[in-house]
C-alpha cells in the first residue's frame, strides 16, 4: 500500500527529474534494470557463500567478475555485432550491471579484512577482483568480436 508520504515522495522525484530535463522513461529503465540486477546479485552471492568455503568473499568476486565479462560483451556487441538502442544499452549497463556488480561491498569486505589484520587476504581480494575483472572485460569483448 502506498502511503501519502510515499506518494508525495514519488511525485517529488518525478517533478525534480522532469523539471531538469531527464528522460523519465530512461530513468525508469535504469531503475528496473537495477532492481533485477540487485535481486540476481543477492541470489548469486547467497548461493556462492554457502557453496564455496573460502576466506575470500566468493559471492562478491563471482558477481563482480561475471558482471565485468557481461559489460565487456554487451558494450563490444553493441558496436561490433548488433546495434543496441540507447535505451537497451542504458537498461543493461547502468541499470542491470549497476545493480548486479558491487564495488561498495568489495570495499567494505576488504576494509573488514584489513581491520582484522588479514592484510595479505585483503590484498589478494583486491587483486582478484580487479585483475580478474579487467581480464573478464577483455574476454567479454573478444567473445563479442568472435560473433561479429
Foldseek 3Di string as FASTA:
>chain_A
DQDPVNVVVVVVVVCVQVVVPHDVVLVVLLAVLLVVQQVVLVVQQVVCVVPDDDPASVSQLVQLLVLLLVLLQVVLLCPQPHNDDPSVNSNNPNRNSVNNHDPPVLVVSLVVCVVVVVPVSSVVNVCSSVVSSVVSSVVSNVVSNVND
